[in-house]
């Protein structure tokens, strides 16, 4: 199977069961081998007491892009550790886009960088995610 076909099928398998992302309003963008794009339009219910996008919402967006990037090879993979730095606030009406890219993959451990920007390209947050491959696959490649 070609890497892009595997990434697409892996993304489809994850997306169908990703109820949290659907509930939050996250939209799936392009997923390639070792990379993914997700977006979210900030609405009032995403905002905290300062009337800016809640950090947990931004983290969830970044974590979702990270998850799709590190699962793009059809190997069940989970987060081992994540660290996020908030740089600028997201505002109501902003469209935030998280782009995740693989930095390193050695054995079962991966390192991924995720950038979250708004529609103007303003950097909102940066996250580094460490992944760990576990048993299983997202879909049966032999049946595909």
Protein backbone atom coordinates (compact mmCIF):
# COMPACT_ATOMS: atom_id res chain seq x y z
CA UNK A 1 0.00 0.00 0.00
CA UNK A 2 1.28 3.47 -0.83
CA UNK A 3 2.09 5.71 2.17
CA UNK A 4 -0.54 8.30 1.21
CA UNK A 5 -3.24 5.63 0.85
CA UNK A 6 -2.26 4.21 4.27
CA UNK A 7 -2.39 7.68 5.83
CA UNK A 8 -5.85 8.34 4.34
CA UNK A 9 -7.26 5.00 5.53
CA UNK A 10 -5.69 5.47 8.97
CA UNK A 11 -7.19 8.96 9.19
CA UNK A 12 -10.63 7.70 8.17
CA UNK A 13 -10.48 4.93 10.80
CA UNK A 14 -9.51 7.39 13.55
CA UNK A 15 -11.97 10.07 12.50
CA UNK A 16 -15.06 7.88 12.58
CA UNK A 17 -14.54 7.19 16.30
CA UNK A 18 -13.16 10.59 17.35
CA UNK A 19 -16.31 11.79 19.07
CA UNK A 20 -14.50 14.44 21.14
CA UNK A 21 -13.16 16.24 18.07
CA UNK A 22 -16.56 16.14 16.35
CA UNK A 23 -18.25 17.48 19.50
CA UNK A 24 -15.76 20.34 19.81
CA UNK A 25 -16.18 21.35 16.17
CA UNK A 26 -12.70 20.35 15.00
CA UNK A 27 -12.49 19.85 11.25
CA UNK A 28 -10.12 17.35 9.71
CA UNK A 29 -7.81 18.67 7.05
CA UNK A 30 -5.13 16.91 5.06
CA UNK A 31 -3.41 13.93 6.65
CA UNK A 32 -0.20 12.62 5.10
CA UNK A 33 2.34 10.11 6.31
CA UNK A 34 3.88 11.78 9.38
CA UNK A 35 1.79 14.94 9.21
CA UNK A 36 -1.72 16.32 9.72
CA UNK A 37 -3.78 19.52 9.64
CA UNK A 38 -6.85 20.22 11.79
CA UNK A 39 -8.86 23.40 12.20
CA UNK A 40 -11.43 24.94 14.52
CA UNK A 41 -13.54 28.10 14.35
CA UNK A 42 -13.50 29.64 17.84
CA UNK A 43 -17.03 30.09 19.12
CA UNK A 44 -18.33 31.58 22.34
CA UNK A 45 -18.51 28.17 24.06
CA UNK A 46 -14.76 27.68 23.41
CA UNK A 47 -13.88 30.78 25.46
CA UNK A 48 -12.83 31.18 29.08
CA UNK A 49 -13.56 33.91 31.64
CA UNK A 50 -11.20 36.31 29.83
CA UNK A 51 -13.37 35.92 26.72
CA UNK A 52 -10.47 34.34 24.78
CA UNK A 53 -10.14 30.80 23.51
CA UNK A 54 -9.59 28.43 26.43
CA UNK A 55 -6.10 26.96 26.52
CA UNK A 56 -7.56 23.49 26.87
CA UNK A 57 -9.40 23.94 23.59
CA UNK A 58 -6.21 25.03 21.82
CA UNK A 59 -4.38 22.09 23.39
CA UNK A 60 -7.10 19.69 22.20
CA UNK A 61 -6.83 21.03 18.65
CA UNK A 62 -3.03 20.62 18.71
CA UNK A 63 -3.28 17.18 20.32
CA UNK A 64 -5.74 16.04 17.65
CA UNK A 65 -3.37 17.03 14.83
CA UNK A 66 -0.57 15.26 16.70
CA UNK A 67 -2.70 12.10 17.06
CA UNK A 68 -3.53 11.95 13.36
CA UNK A 69 0.10 12.55 12.37
CA UNK A 70 1.53 9.85 14.63
CA UNK A 71 -1.14 7.32 13.64
CA UNK A 72 -0.69 7.91 9.89
CA UNK A 73 1.27 4.68 9.39
CA UNK A 74 -1.57 2.44 10.64
CA UNK A 75 0.21 1.60 13.90
CA UNK A 76 -1.84 2.30 17.03
CA UNK A 77 0.03 5.17 18.67
CA UNK A 78 -0.76 7.20 21.77
CA UNK A 79 0.62 10.29 23.45
CA UNK A 80 3.37 9.70 25.98
CA UNK A 81 4.00 13.35 26.82
CA UNK A 82 2.96 16.76 25.46
CA UNK A 83 4.14 20.25 26.23
CA UNK A 84 2.42 23.34 24.89
CA UNK A 85 3.44 26.99 24.90
CA UNK A 86 0.72 29.59 24.41
CA UNK A 87 1.98 32.60 22.48
CA UNK A 88 -1.09 34.68 21.57
CA UNK A 89 -4.79 34.40 22.42
CA UNK A 90 -7.38 32.97 20.07
CA UNK A 91 -10.41 35.20 19.66
CA UNK A 92 -14.07 34.46 18.96
CA UNK A 93 -14.43 34.05 15.20
CA UNK A 94 -10.81 33.04 14.62
CA UNK A 95 -10.15 29.95 12.56
CA UNK A 96 -7.30 28.15 14.26
CA UNK A 97 -5.29 25.63 12.27
CA UNK A 98 -2.95 23.09 13.85
CA UNK A 99 -0.24 21.60 11.65
CA UNK A 100 1.62 18.60 13.02
CA UNK A 101 4.85 17.22 11.58
CA UNK A 102 7.07 14.36 12.57
CA UNK A 103 10.53 15.36 13.79
CA UNK A 104 11.83 11.89 14.66
CA UNK A 105 10.63 8.30 14.68
CA UNK A 106 12.88 5.69 16.28
CA UNK A 107 11.50 2.28 17.13
CA UNK A 108 8.23 2.80 18.98
CA UNK A 109 8.94 6.41 20.01
CA UNK A 110 8.19 9.53 18.00
CA UNK A 111 8.63 13.27 18.37
CA UNK A 112 6.17 15.68 16.72
CA UNK A 113 5.98 19.45 16.53
CA UNK A 114 2.61 21.17 16.21
CA UNK A 115 2.03 24.82 15.34
CA UNK A 116 -1.33 26.50 15.86
CA UNK A 117 -1.97 29.67 13.85
CA UNK A 118 -5.02 31.81 13.20
CA UNK A 119 -6.45 32.78 9.81
CA UNK A 120 -3.93 35.64 9.52
CA UNK A 121 -0.96 33.37 10.18
CA UNK A 122 -0.45 34.71 13.71
CA UNK A 123 1.23 32.08 15.86
CA UNK A 124 -1.12 31.11 18.70
CA UNK A 125 0.70 28.12 20.25
CA UNK A 126 3.43 25.56 19.73
CA UNK A 127 3.29 22.04 21.08
CA UNK A 128 5.81 19.21 21.18
CA UNK A 129 4.32 15.74 21.44
CA UNK A 130 6.08 12.51 22.27
CA UNK A 131 4.35 9.39 21.00
CA UNK A 132 4.55 5.70 21.79
CA UNK A 133 3.40 2.94 19.46
CA UNK A 134 1.30 0.23 21.09
CA UNK A 135 -0.14 -3.07 19.89
CA UNK A 136 -2.58 -3.13 17.01
CA UNK A 137 -3.52 -1.31 13.86
CA UNK A 138 -6.34 1.04 12.91
CA UNK A 139 -7.45 -1.13 10.00
CA UNK A 140 -6.60 -4.52 8.55
CA UNK A 141 -4.21 -3.88 5.67
CA UNK A 142 -4.45 -7.45 4.42
CA UNK A 143 -8.18 -7.02 3.90
CA UNK A 144 -7.65 -3.75 2.02
